[in-house]
N, C-alpha and C. Protein backbone atom coordinates (compact mmCIF):
# COMPACT_ATOMS: atom_id res chain seq x y z
N UNK A 1 -43.99 63.95 -138.05
CA UNK A 1 -45.20 63.71 -137.29
C UNK A 1 -44.83 63.19 -135.92
N UNK A 2 -45.11 63.98 -134.90
CA UNK A 2 -44.76 63.56 -133.55
C UNK A 2 -45.81 62.59 -133.04
N UNK A 3 -45.35 61.64 -132.25
CA UNK A 3 -46.27 60.64 -131.72
C UNK A 3 -46.85 61.07 -130.38
N UNK A 4 -46.29 62.10 -129.79
CA UNK A 4 -46.94 62.70 -128.62
C UNK A 4 -46.91 61.85 -127.38
N UNK A 5 -45.76 61.26 -127.04
CA UNK A 5 -45.71 60.48 -125.81
C UNK A 5 -45.52 61.38 -124.60
N UNK A 6 -44.98 62.57 -124.80
CA UNK A 6 -44.85 63.53 -123.71
C UNK A 6 -46.02 64.50 -123.77
N UNK A 7 -45.97 65.54 -122.94
CA UNK A 7 -47.12 66.43 -122.88
C UNK A 7 -46.79 67.84 -123.34
N UNK A 8 -45.68 68.03 -124.05
CA UNK A 8 -45.36 69.35 -124.57
C UNK A 8 -46.44 69.78 -125.55
N UNK A 9 -46.87 71.05 -125.51
CA UNK A 9 -48.02 71.47 -126.30
C UNK A 9 -47.84 71.32 -127.80
N UNK A 10 -46.61 71.33 -128.28
CA UNK A 10 -46.42 71.25 -129.73
C UNK A 10 -46.26 69.81 -130.21
N UNK A 11 -46.32 68.84 -129.32
CA UNK A 11 -46.23 67.45 -129.75
C UNK A 11 -47.62 67.00 -130.18
N UNK A 12 -47.86 67.15 -131.46
CA UNK A 12 -49.17 66.88 -132.03
C UNK A 12 -49.11 65.62 -132.87
N UNK A 13 -50.23 64.92 -132.91
CA UNK A 13 -50.30 63.66 -133.66
C UNK A 13 -51.21 63.81 -134.86
N UNK A 14 -50.82 63.13 -135.93
CA UNK A 14 -51.61 63.16 -137.16
C UNK A 14 -51.70 61.74 -137.71
N UNK A 15 -52.11 60.80 -136.87
CA UNK A 15 -52.12 59.40 -137.27
C UNK A 15 -53.48 58.74 -137.06
N UNK A 16 -54.55 59.54 -136.95
CA UNK A 16 -55.88 58.97 -136.72
C UNK A 16 -56.57 58.54 -138.00
N UNK A 17 -56.02 58.93 -139.15
CA UNK A 17 -56.58 58.47 -140.41
C UNK A 17 -57.54 59.44 -141.08
N UNK A 18 -58.00 60.43 -140.35
CA UNK A 18 -58.87 61.48 -140.91
C UNK A 18 -58.50 62.78 -140.23
N UNK A 19 -58.61 63.88 -140.96
CA UNK A 19 -58.24 65.15 -140.37
C UNK A 19 -59.17 65.52 -139.21
N UNK A 20 -60.45 65.15 -139.31
CA UNK A 20 -61.37 65.46 -138.22
C UNK A 20 -61.03 64.66 -136.96
N UNK A 21 -60.55 63.44 -137.12
CA UNK A 21 -60.16 62.63 -135.97
C UNK A 21 -58.83 63.10 -135.41
N UNK A 22 -57.96 63.63 -136.27
CA UNK A 22 -56.71 64.22 -135.77
C UNK A 22 -57.01 65.43 -134.88
N UNK A 23 -58.02 66.22 -135.27
CA UNK A 23 -58.40 67.35 -134.42
C UNK A 23 -58.94 66.86 -133.09
N UNK A 24 -59.75 65.82 -133.13
CA UNK A 24 -60.31 65.26 -131.90
C UNK A 24 -59.22 64.77 -130.96
N UNK A 25 -58.13 64.27 -131.52
CA UNK A 25 -57.03 63.71 -130.71
C UNK A 25 -56.26 64.78 -129.94
N UNK A 26 -56.51 66.06 -130.23
CA UNK A 26 -55.76 67.10 -129.54
C UNK A 26 -56.21 67.32 -128.10
N UNK A 27 -57.14 66.51 -127.63
CA UNK A 27 -57.56 66.62 -126.22
C UNK A 27 -56.78 65.68 -125.31
N UNK A 28 -55.94 64.81 -125.86
CA UNK A 28 -55.31 63.75 -125.08
C UNK A 28 -53.80 63.76 -125.26
N UNK A 29 -53.01 63.48 -124.22
CA UNK A 29 -53.42 63.18 -122.84
C UNK A 29 -53.81 64.40 -122.03
N UNK A 30 -53.62 65.57 -122.61
CA UNK A 30 -54.11 66.81 -122.01
C UNK A 30 -54.43 67.76 -123.14
N UNK A 31 -54.96 68.92 -122.83
CA UNK A 31 -55.31 69.88 -123.86
C UNK A 31 -54.08 70.30 -124.65
N UNK A 32 -54.09 70.01 -125.96
CA UNK A 32 -52.98 70.39 -126.82
C UNK A 32 -53.17 71.78 -127.40
N UNK A 33 -54.40 72.15 -127.66
CA UNK A 33 -54.67 73.46 -128.25
C UNK A 33 -54.97 74.45 -127.13
N UNK A 34 -53.94 74.73 -126.33
CA UNK A 34 -54.13 75.60 -125.18
C UNK A 34 -53.79 77.05 -125.46
N UNK A 35 -53.34 77.33 -126.68
CA UNK A 35 -53.06 78.70 -127.09
C UNK A 35 -53.02 78.75 -128.61
N UNK A 36 -52.85 79.93 -129.16
CA UNK A 36 -52.90 80.09 -130.61
C UNK A 36 -51.69 79.43 -131.28
N UNK A 37 -50.53 79.44 -130.62
CA UNK A 37 -49.33 78.84 -131.22
C UNK A 37 -49.51 77.38 -131.58
N UNK A 38 -49.96 76.53 -130.65
CA UNK A 38 -50.21 75.14 -131.00
C UNK A 38 -51.28 74.96 -132.06
N UNK A 39 -52.29 75.85 -132.08
CA UNK A 39 -53.31 75.76 -133.12
C UNK A 39 -52.68 76.01 -134.48
N UNK A 40 -51.84 77.01 -134.59
CA UNK A 40 -51.16 77.27 -135.86
C UNK A 40 -50.32 76.06 -136.27
N UNK A 41 -49.64 75.46 -135.29
CA UNK A 41 -48.83 74.27 -135.59
C UNK A 41 -49.71 73.12 -136.06
N UNK A 42 -50.89 72.97 -135.45
CA UNK A 42 -51.79 71.89 -135.87
C UNK A 42 -52.31 72.13 -137.28
N UNK A 43 -52.70 73.36 -137.58
CA UNK A 43 -53.20 73.69 -138.92
C UNK A 43 -52.15 73.37 -139.97
N UNK A 44 -50.90 73.76 -139.70
CA UNK A 44 -49.82 73.49 -140.65
C UNK A 44 -49.53 72.00 -140.74
N UNK A 45 -49.45 71.33 -139.60
CA UNK A 45 -49.10 69.90 -139.59
C UNK A 45 -50.18 69.01 -140.17
N UNK A 46 -51.42 69.44 -140.08
CA UNK A 46 -52.53 68.63 -140.58
C UNK A 46 -52.65 68.65 -142.09
N UNK A 47 -51.98 69.62 -142.73
CA UNK A 47 -52.10 69.75 -144.18
C UNK A 47 -53.26 70.61 -144.62
N UNK A 48 -53.90 71.29 -143.67
CA UNK A 48 -55.00 72.18 -144.05
C UNK A 48 -54.52 73.30 -144.96
N UNK A 49 -53.26 73.68 -144.80
CA UNK A 49 -52.68 74.74 -145.63
C UNK A 49 -51.37 74.22 -146.22
N UNK A 50 -50.94 74.73 -147.36
CA UNK A 50 -49.65 74.32 -147.93
C UNK A 50 -48.50 74.71 -147.00
N UNK A 51 -47.38 73.99 -147.06
CA UNK A 51 -46.22 74.34 -146.24
C UNK A 51 -45.81 75.79 -146.45
N UNK A 52 -45.48 76.45 -145.35
CA UNK A 52 -45.03 77.83 -145.44
C UNK A 52 -46.12 78.88 -145.47
N UNK A 53 -47.37 78.47 -145.41
CA UNK A 53 -48.47 79.44 -145.43
C UNK A 53 -48.45 80.28 -144.15
N UNK A 54 -48.39 81.61 -144.26
CA UNK A 54 -48.40 82.45 -143.06
C UNK A 54 -49.72 82.31 -142.30
N UNK A 55 -49.61 82.16 -140.98
CA UNK A 55 -50.79 82.05 -140.14
C UNK A 55 -50.74 83.04 -138.99
N UNK A 56 -49.98 84.11 -139.17
CA UNK A 56 -49.81 85.08 -138.09
C UNK A 56 -51.12 85.79 -137.75
N UNK A 57 -52.08 85.78 -138.66
CA UNK A 57 -53.35 86.45 -138.39
C UNK A 57 -54.30 85.59 -137.56
N UNK A 58 -53.96 84.33 -137.32
CA UNK A 58 -54.79 83.48 -136.47
C UNK A 58 -54.78 84.04 -135.04
N UNK A 59 -55.93 84.11 -134.42
CA UNK A 59 -56.01 84.70 -133.09
C UNK A 59 -56.85 83.84 -132.15
N UNK A 60 -57.15 84.38 -130.98
CA UNK A 60 -57.88 83.63 -129.96
C UNK A 60 -59.27 83.21 -130.44
N UNK A 61 -59.88 83.98 -131.32
CA UNK A 61 -61.19 83.61 -131.85
C UNK A 61 -61.09 82.32 -132.66
N UNK A 62 -59.99 82.15 -133.38
CA UNK A 62 -59.77 80.90 -134.12
C UNK A 62 -59.73 79.73 -133.14
N UNK A 63 -59.02 79.93 -132.05
CA UNK A 63 -58.87 78.86 -131.06
C UNK A 63 -60.23 78.41 -130.53
N UNK A 64 -61.09 79.37 -130.22
CA UNK A 64 -62.43 79.03 -129.74
C UNK A 64 -63.23 78.29 -130.80
N UNK A 65 -63.12 78.73 -132.05
CA UNK A 65 -63.87 78.10 -133.14
C UNK A 65 -63.42 76.66 -133.37
N UNK A 66 -62.11 76.42 -133.37
CA UNK A 66 -61.61 75.07 -133.60
C UNK A 66 -61.95 74.15 -132.42
N UNK A 67 -61.90 74.68 -131.22
CA UNK A 67 -62.29 73.87 -130.06
C UNK A 67 -63.77 73.52 -130.10
N UNK A 68 -64.58 74.48 -130.53
CA UNK A 68 -66.01 74.20 -130.62
C UNK A 68 -66.29 73.10 -131.64
N UNK A 69 -65.67 73.19 -132.81
CA UNK A 69 -65.86 72.15 -133.82
C UNK A 69 -65.36 70.81 -133.30
N UNK A 70 -64.24 70.82 -132.59
CA UNK A 70 -63.71 69.58 -132.03
C UNK A 70 -64.72 68.93 -131.08
N UNK A 71 -65.38 69.74 -130.25
CA UNK A 71 -66.39 69.21 -129.33
C UNK A 71 -67.55 68.59 -130.10
N UNK A 72 -67.96 69.23 -131.18
CA UNK A 72 -69.05 68.69 -132.01
C UNK A 72 -68.63 67.36 -132.65
N UNK A 73 -67.39 67.30 -133.12
CA UNK A 73 -66.89 66.05 -133.71
C UNK A 73 -66.95 64.93 -132.68
N UNK A 74 -66.54 65.23 -131.45
CA UNK A 74 -66.59 64.21 -130.40
C UNK A 74 -67.99 63.70 -130.16
N UNK A 75 -68.97 64.59 -130.18
CA UNK A 75 -70.35 64.17 -129.98
C UNK A 75 -70.84 63.26 -131.11
N UNK A 76 -70.35 63.51 -132.31
CA UNK A 76 -70.85 62.77 -133.47
C UNK A 76 -70.17 61.43 -133.68
N UNK A 77 -68.85 61.38 -133.59
CA UNK A 77 -68.16 60.14 -133.94
C UNK A 77 -68.15 59.13 -132.82
N UNK A 78 -68.49 59.55 -131.60
CA UNK A 78 -68.52 58.60 -130.50
C UNK A 78 -69.94 58.17 -130.15
N UNK A 79 -70.90 58.48 -131.02
CA UNK A 79 -72.28 58.04 -130.78
C UNK A 79 -72.32 56.53 -130.71
N UNK A 80 -73.02 56.01 -129.71
CA UNK A 80 -73.06 54.57 -129.47
C UNK A 80 -74.13 53.92 -130.34
N UNK A 81 -73.78 52.85 -131.10
CA UNK A 81 -74.82 52.18 -131.90
C UNK A 81 -75.79 51.41 -131.02
N UNK A 82 -77.03 51.32 -131.46
CA UNK A 82 -78.01 50.54 -130.72
C UNK A 82 -77.67 49.06 -130.86
N UNK A 83 -78.11 48.26 -129.90
CA UNK A 83 -77.65 46.86 -129.83
C UNK A 83 -78.35 45.95 -130.82
N UNK A 84 -79.49 46.35 -131.38
CA UNK A 84 -80.18 45.43 -132.29
C UNK A 84 -79.70 45.56 -133.73
N UNK A 85 -78.67 46.37 -133.96
CA UNK A 85 -78.06 46.44 -135.28
C UNK A 85 -78.82 47.26 -136.30
N UNK A 86 -79.84 48.00 -135.89
CA UNK A 86 -80.61 48.77 -136.86
C UNK A 86 -79.78 49.91 -137.44
N UNK A 87 -79.33 50.79 -136.63
CA UNK A 87 -78.53 51.93 -137.09
C UNK A 87 -78.01 52.63 -135.85
N UNK A 88 -77.25 53.68 -136.06
CA UNK A 88 -76.77 54.45 -134.93
C UNK A 88 -77.92 55.25 -134.32
N UNK A 89 -77.89 55.35 -133.02
CA UNK A 89 -78.94 56.06 -132.31
C UNK A 89 -78.74 57.55 -132.49
N UNK A 90 -79.53 58.15 -133.38
CA UNK A 90 -79.41 59.57 -133.68
C UNK A 90 -80.50 60.39 -133.00
N UNK A 91 -81.20 59.79 -132.05
CA UNK A 91 -82.37 60.44 -131.51
C UNK A 91 -82.05 61.52 -130.48
N UNK A 92 -80.88 61.48 -129.91
CA UNK A 92 -80.59 62.41 -128.83
C UNK A 92 -80.47 63.84 -129.36
N UNK A 93 -80.97 64.77 -128.58
CA UNK A 93 -80.92 66.18 -128.99
C UNK A 93 -79.49 66.69 -129.12
N UNK A 94 -78.56 66.36 -128.21
CA UNK A 94 -77.18 66.83 -128.40
C UNK A 94 -76.58 66.39 -129.73
N UNK A 95 -76.88 65.17 -130.16
CA UNK A 95 -76.37 64.69 -131.44
C UNK A 95 -76.93 65.54 -132.58
N UNK A 96 -78.22 65.77 -132.56
CA UNK A 96 -78.85 66.56 -133.62
C UNK A 96 -78.31 67.99 -133.67
N UNK A 97 -78.09 68.58 -132.50
CA UNK A 97 -77.55 69.93 -132.44
C UNK A 97 -76.12 69.96 -132.97
N UNK A 98 -75.33 68.96 -132.61
CA UNK A 98 -73.95 68.88 -133.10
C UNK A 98 -73.93 68.71 -134.61
N UNK A 99 -74.82 67.87 -135.12
CA UNK A 99 -74.88 67.63 -136.56
C UNK A 99 -75.28 68.91 -137.31
N UNK A 100 -76.24 69.62 -136.77
CA UNK A 100 -76.68 70.87 -137.41
C UNK A 100 -75.53 71.88 -137.43
N UNK A 101 -74.78 71.94 -136.35
CA UNK A 101 -73.67 72.91 -136.29
C UNK A 101 -72.56 72.54 -137.27
N UNK A 102 -72.23 71.25 -137.37
CA UNK A 102 -71.20 70.81 -138.32
C UNK A 102 -71.65 71.10 -139.75
N UNK A 103 -72.92 70.83 -140.05
CA UNK A 103 -73.43 71.13 -141.39
C UNK A 103 -73.34 72.63 -141.70
N UNK A 104 -73.61 73.44 -140.69
CA UNK A 104 -73.53 74.89 -140.88
C UNK A 104 -72.09 75.32 -141.15
N UNK A 105 -71.15 74.79 -140.38
CA UNK A 105 -69.73 75.14 -140.57
C UNK A 105 -69.25 74.67 -141.94
N UNK A 106 -69.74 73.53 -142.40
CA UNK A 106 -69.31 72.96 -143.68
C UNK A 106 -69.77 73.78 -144.88
N UNK A 107 -70.72 74.69 -144.69
CA UNK A 107 -71.26 75.48 -145.80
C UNK A 107 -70.27 76.51 -146.33
N UNK A 108 -69.34 76.93 -145.50
CA UNK A 108 -68.39 77.96 -145.95
C UNK A 108 -67.51 77.42 -147.06
N UNK A 109 -67.05 78.29 -147.92
CA UNK A 109 -66.16 77.87 -149.01
C UNK A 109 -64.78 77.57 -148.45
N UNK A 110 -64.18 76.46 -148.85
CA UNK A 110 -62.83 76.13 -148.39
C UNK A 110 -61.80 77.05 -149.04
N UNK A 111 -60.56 77.07 -148.53
CA UNK A 111 -59.53 77.92 -149.15
C UNK A 111 -59.31 77.53 -150.61
N UNK A 112 -59.00 78.51 -151.42
CA UNK A 112 -58.80 78.28 -152.85
C UNK A 112 -57.31 78.08 -153.13
N UNK A 113 -56.91 76.90 -153.64
CA UNK A 113 -55.50 76.68 -153.94
C UNK A 113 -55.17 77.07 -155.39
N UNK A 114 -53.91 77.28 -155.65
CA UNK A 114 -53.46 77.49 -157.01
C UNK A 114 -52.06 76.89 -157.15
N UNK A 115 -51.70 76.56 -158.36
CA UNK A 115 -50.38 76.00 -158.64
C UNK A 115 -49.46 77.12 -159.11
N UNK A 116 -48.31 77.25 -158.47
CA UNK A 116 -47.33 78.29 -158.84
C UNK A 116 -45.96 77.63 -158.95
N UNK A 117 -45.05 78.30 -159.65
CA UNK A 117 -43.71 77.76 -159.80
C UNK A 117 -42.85 78.13 -158.60
N UNK A 118 -42.15 77.13 -158.09
CA UNK A 118 -41.19 77.33 -157.01
C UNK A 118 -39.91 77.92 -157.59
N UNK A 119 -38.93 78.19 -156.74
CA UNK A 119 -37.68 78.78 -157.21
C UNK A 119 -36.95 77.88 -158.20
N UNK A 120 -37.12 76.57 -158.03
CA UNK A 120 -36.44 75.64 -158.96
C UNK A 120 -37.31 75.29 -160.17
N UNK A 121 -38.46 75.92 -160.29
CA UNK A 121 -39.31 75.70 -161.45
C UNK A 121 -40.39 74.67 -161.26
N UNK A 122 -40.35 73.90 -160.19
CA UNK A 122 -41.39 72.89 -159.96
C UNK A 122 -42.68 73.56 -159.50
N UNK A 123 -43.79 72.92 -159.80
CA UNK A 123 -45.08 73.46 -159.40
C UNK A 123 -45.37 73.09 -157.95
N UNK A 124 -45.78 74.07 -157.19
CA UNK A 124 -46.17 73.84 -155.80
C UNK A 124 -47.54 74.48 -155.57
N UNK A 125 -48.17 74.06 -154.50
CA UNK A 125 -49.50 74.57 -154.17
C UNK A 125 -49.39 75.71 -153.17
N UNK A 126 -50.16 76.76 -153.41
CA UNK A 126 -50.28 77.82 -152.42
C UNK A 126 -51.72 78.32 -152.47
N UNK A 127 -52.09 79.08 -151.46
CA UNK A 127 -53.45 79.62 -151.41
C UNK A 127 -53.48 80.99 -152.07
N UNK A 128 -54.63 81.36 -152.59
CA UNK A 128 -54.76 82.64 -153.30
C UNK A 128 -54.70 83.82 -152.35
N UNK A 129 -54.89 83.58 -151.08
CA UNK A 129 -54.81 84.65 -150.09
C UNK A 129 -54.72 84.05 -148.70
N UNK A 130 -54.53 84.87 -147.68
CA UNK A 130 -54.45 84.34 -146.32
C UNK A 130 -55.72 83.57 -145.97
N UNK A 131 -55.59 82.36 -145.45
CA UNK A 131 -56.79 81.57 -145.14
C UNK A 131 -57.53 82.14 -143.94
N UNK A 132 -58.83 82.13 -144.02
CA UNK A 132 -59.66 82.56 -142.90
C UNK A 132 -60.09 81.36 -142.08
N UNK A 133 -60.41 81.62 -140.83
CA UNK A 133 -60.80 80.54 -139.93
C UNK A 133 -61.99 79.75 -140.47
N UNK A 134 -63.02 80.46 -140.95
CA UNK A 134 -64.23 79.78 -141.44
C UNK A 134 -63.92 78.84 -142.59
N UNK A 135 -62.99 79.23 -143.46
CA UNK A 135 -62.64 78.39 -144.61
C UNK A 135 -61.93 77.12 -144.16
N UNK A 136 -61.03 77.25 -143.20
CA UNK A 136 -60.30 76.07 -142.71
C UNK A 136 -61.23 75.16 -141.91
N UNK A 137 -62.08 75.75 -141.11
CA UNK A 137 -63.05 74.95 -140.36
C UNK A 137 -63.96 74.18 -141.31
N UNK A 138 -64.31 74.80 -142.44
CA UNK A 138 -65.18 74.13 -143.41
C UNK A 138 -64.54 72.86 -143.94
N UNK A 139 -63.23 72.87 -144.14
CA UNK A 139 -62.55 71.67 -144.63
C UNK A 139 -62.69 70.54 -143.62
N UNK A 140 -62.48 70.86 -142.35
CA UNK A 140 -62.59 69.84 -141.30
C UNK A 140 -64.03 69.37 -141.17
N UNK A 141 -64.98 70.30 -141.21
CA UNK A 141 -66.39 69.94 -141.08
C UNK A 141 -66.84 69.06 -142.24
N UNK A 142 -66.36 69.35 -143.45
CA UNK A 142 -66.72 68.51 -144.60
C UNK A 142 -66.13 67.11 -144.46
N UNK A 143 -64.97 67.01 -143.82
CA UNK A 143 -64.39 65.70 -143.57
C UNK A 143 -65.26 64.91 -142.60
N UNK A 144 -65.84 65.59 -141.62
CA UNK A 144 -66.77 64.94 -140.69
C UNK A 144 -67.99 64.43 -141.46
N UNK A 145 -68.54 65.28 -142.32
CA UNK A 145 -69.72 64.90 -143.10
C UNK A 145 -69.41 63.66 -143.94
N UNK A 146 -68.26 63.65 -144.60
CA UNK A 146 -67.88 62.50 -145.42
C UNK A 146 -67.74 61.24 -144.58
N UNK A 147 -67.14 61.38 -143.41
CA UNK A 147 -66.96 60.22 -142.53
C UNK A 147 -68.30 59.66 -142.08
N UNK A 148 -69.19 60.54 -141.66
CA UNK A 148 -70.48 60.09 -141.13
C UNK A 148 -71.38 59.49 -142.19
N UNK A 149 -71.21 59.91 -143.44
CA UNK A 149 -72.11 59.44 -144.50
C UNK A 149 -71.51 58.32 -145.34
N UNK A 150 -70.31 57.90 -145.02
CA UNK A 150 -69.66 56.79 -145.73
C UNK A 150 -69.74 55.55 -144.84
N UNK A 151 -70.63 54.59 -145.15
CA UNK A 151 -70.81 53.43 -144.27
C UNK A 151 -69.53 52.63 -144.06
N UNK A 152 -68.70 52.53 -145.09
CA UNK A 152 -67.46 51.76 -144.96
C UNK A 152 -66.50 52.45 -143.99
N UNK A 153 -66.33 53.75 -144.17
CA UNK A 153 -65.44 54.50 -143.28
C UNK A 153 -66.01 54.53 -141.86
N UNK A 154 -67.31 54.76 -141.74
CA UNK A 154 -67.93 54.83 -140.40
C UNK A 154 -67.76 53.53 -139.64
N UNK A 155 -67.83 52.40 -140.37
CA UNK A 155 -67.67 51.10 -139.72
C UNK A 155 -66.24 50.85 -139.28
N UNK A 156 -65.30 51.62 -139.82
CA UNK A 156 -63.89 51.43 -139.48
C UNK A 156 -63.44 52.33 -138.34
N UNK A 157 -64.34 53.13 -137.78
CA UNK A 157 -63.98 53.99 -136.66
C UNK A 157 -63.83 53.14 -135.41
N UNK A 158 -62.71 53.31 -134.73
CA UNK A 158 -62.41 52.55 -133.52
C UNK A 158 -61.96 53.48 -132.41
N UNK A 159 -62.16 53.05 -131.18
CA UNK A 159 -61.58 53.76 -130.03
C UNK A 159 -60.42 52.93 -129.51
N UNK A 160 -59.33 53.59 -129.20
CA UNK A 160 -58.12 52.91 -128.77
C UNK A 160 -58.40 52.03 -127.56
N UNK A 161 -57.80 50.84 -127.56
CA UNK A 161 -57.96 49.91 -126.45
C UNK A 161 -56.93 50.16 -125.35
N UNK A 162 -56.08 51.17 -125.54
CA UNK A 162 -55.10 51.49 -124.51
C UNK A 162 -55.76 51.96 -123.23
N UNK A 163 -55.09 51.73 -122.11
CA UNK A 163 -55.62 52.09 -120.81
C UNK A 163 -55.86 53.60 -120.72
N UNK A 164 -57.09 53.98 -120.50
CA UNK A 164 -57.49 55.38 -120.34
C UNK A 164 -57.17 56.24 -121.56
N UNK A 165 -57.15 55.64 -122.73
CA UNK A 165 -56.90 56.41 -123.95
C UNK A 165 -58.20 56.55 -124.73
N UNK A 166 -58.69 57.78 -124.90
CA UNK A 166 -59.96 57.99 -125.58
C UNK A 166 -59.82 58.27 -127.08
N UNK A 167 -58.61 58.16 -127.62
CA UNK A 167 -58.40 58.57 -129.01
C UNK A 167 -59.19 57.66 -129.96
N UNK A 168 -59.84 58.29 -130.92
CA UNK A 168 -60.63 57.60 -131.94
C UNK A 168 -59.86 57.66 -133.26
N UNK A 169 -59.82 56.56 -133.98
CA UNK A 169 -59.05 56.50 -135.22
C UNK A 169 -59.80 55.68 -136.26
N UNK A 170 -59.32 55.77 -137.49
CA UNK A 170 -59.89 55.00 -138.59
C UNK A 170 -59.02 53.77 -138.81
N UNK A 171 -59.59 52.60 -138.63
CA UNK A 171 -58.83 51.35 -138.77
C UNK A 171 -58.85 50.90 -140.23
N UNK A 172 -57.75 51.14 -140.92
CA UNK A 172 -57.62 50.72 -142.31
C UNK A 172 -56.64 49.56 -142.44
N UNK A 173 -56.32 48.93 -141.31
CA UNK A 173 -55.37 47.82 -141.34
C UNK A 173 -55.99 46.59 -141.99
N UNK A 174 -55.13 45.69 -142.42
CA UNK A 174 -55.61 44.46 -143.04
C UNK A 174 -56.38 43.64 -142.01
N UNK A 175 -57.58 43.26 -142.36
CA UNK A 175 -58.40 42.48 -141.45
C UNK A 175 -59.02 43.29 -140.33
N UNK A 176 -58.83 44.62 -140.38
CA UNK A 176 -59.37 45.50 -139.35
C UNK A 176 -58.98 45.02 -137.95
N UNK A 177 -57.68 44.80 -137.75
CA UNK A 177 -57.20 44.27 -136.48
C UNK A 177 -56.42 45.28 -135.64
N UNK A 178 -56.41 46.52 -136.06
CA UNK A 178 -55.68 47.54 -135.29
C UNK A 178 -56.38 47.75 -133.95
N UNK A 179 -55.60 47.71 -132.87
CA UNK A 179 -56.17 47.81 -131.53
C UNK A 179 -55.88 49.14 -130.85
N UNK A 180 -54.80 49.79 -131.27
CA UNK A 180 -54.37 50.99 -130.57
C UNK A 180 -54.29 52.19 -131.51
N UNK A 181 -54.37 53.37 -130.90
CA UNK A 181 -54.22 54.59 -131.68
C UNK A 181 -52.82 54.64 -132.30
N UNK A 182 -51.85 54.10 -131.59
CA UNK A 182 -50.47 54.04 -132.07
C UNK A 182 -49.79 52.84 -131.45
N UNK A 183 -49.15 52.02 -132.28
CA UNK A 183 -48.40 50.89 -131.76
C UNK A 183 -47.22 51.35 -130.91
N UNK A 184 -46.64 52.51 -131.29
CA UNK A 184 -45.49 53.02 -130.57
C UNK A 184 -45.87 53.66 -129.24
N UNK A 185 -47.11 54.09 -129.09
CA UNK A 185 -47.52 54.76 -127.85
C UNK A 185 -48.31 53.78 -127.00
N UNK A 186 -49.61 53.64 -127.25
CA UNK A 186 -50.43 52.77 -126.42
C UNK A 186 -50.08 51.30 -126.60
N UNK A 187 -49.73 50.90 -127.81
CA UNK A 187 -49.33 49.51 -128.04
C UNK A 187 -48.11 49.14 -127.23
N UNK A 188 -47.14 50.03 -127.21
CA UNK A 188 -45.92 49.77 -126.45
C UNK A 188 -46.21 49.72 -124.96
N UNK A 189 -47.08 50.60 -124.48
CA UNK A 189 -47.45 50.59 -123.06
C UNK A 189 -48.10 49.26 -122.70
N UNK A 190 -48.97 48.76 -123.58
CA UNK A 190 -49.65 47.49 -123.31
C UNK A 190 -48.65 46.34 -123.28
N UNK A 191 -47.69 46.35 -124.20
CA UNK A 191 -46.68 45.29 -124.21
C UNK A 191 -45.83 45.32 -122.95
N UNK A 192 -45.47 46.51 -122.50
CA UNK A 192 -44.68 46.63 -121.27
C UNK A 192 -45.49 46.13 -120.08
N UNK A 193 -46.77 46.52 -120.01
CA UNK A 193 -47.61 46.08 -118.91
C UNK A 193 -47.79 44.57 -118.90
N UNK A 194 -47.94 43.98 -120.11
CA UNK A 194 -48.08 42.54 -120.22
C UNK A 194 -46.82 41.83 -119.74
N UNK A 195 -45.66 42.36 -120.11
CA UNK A 195 -44.38 41.78 -119.68
C UNK A 195 -44.25 41.84 -118.16
N UNK A 196 -44.66 42.96 -117.57
CA UNK A 196 -44.57 43.09 -116.12
C UNK A 196 -45.49 42.11 -115.41
N UNK A 197 -46.68 41.90 -115.98
CA UNK A 197 -47.62 40.94 -115.37
C UNK A 197 -47.03 39.53 -115.42
N UNK A 198 -46.44 39.17 -116.56
CA UNK A 198 -45.83 37.84 -116.68
C UNK A 198 -44.66 37.68 -115.71
N UNK A 199 -43.86 38.74 -115.58
CA UNK A 199 -42.72 38.67 -114.66
C UNK A 199 -43.19 38.53 -113.22
N UNK A 200 -44.27 39.21 -112.87
CA UNK A 200 -44.81 39.13 -111.51
C UNK A 200 -45.34 37.72 -111.24
N UNK A 201 -46.01 37.13 -112.23
CA UNK A 201 -46.51 35.76 -112.06
C UNK A 201 -45.38 34.78 -111.92
N UNK A 202 -44.29 34.98 -112.68
CA UNK A 202 -43.14 34.08 -112.61
C UNK A 202 -42.49 34.14 -111.25
N UNK A 203 -42.41 35.35 -110.66
CA UNK A 203 -41.82 35.49 -109.33
C UNK A 203 -42.68 34.85 -108.27
N UNK A 204 -44.02 34.90 -108.50
CA UNK A 204 -44.93 34.30 -107.53
C UNK A 204 -44.85 32.79 -107.56
């Protein structure tokens, strides 16, 4: 799992805590899904398909579909709660449209797995046939539905406190004290910046 400190297109992160949030993270620090190759790498790295599943049939239409779902996820998980503590403000039309689209995508049947024997006799998972875009999108969309309808999980959604980092993640840390999308990425940047500020004050 790459932590993605550089901007190479194949440096993808899978540390947001939910597959739908991992997809959302592919927009930062720049567009990661800029062609079909990185999309195939993301599908494989996210665990949407078993290791070794051929994805050569994925094309530009897949890329558009995954980007569209990603945009809908962003609209839904970053909705701002109202200040009086009643509930999340679901009144906006963009939110409702995004929710309807995610529900529609989630209706498709997910890929069908089966257990088969590997060369050494152990059981491994494979799909019954080449996965289609709609089936894989349905898995991600269902993950969004589960996140939005689980009050405990929804309450654990956080946005990284790193400077100019928009990544959203699920905080499952003890005491819910996680501040950054990654301690090694944004956390390390914050520690370096703090050290520099202290050094500057000491020189002054």
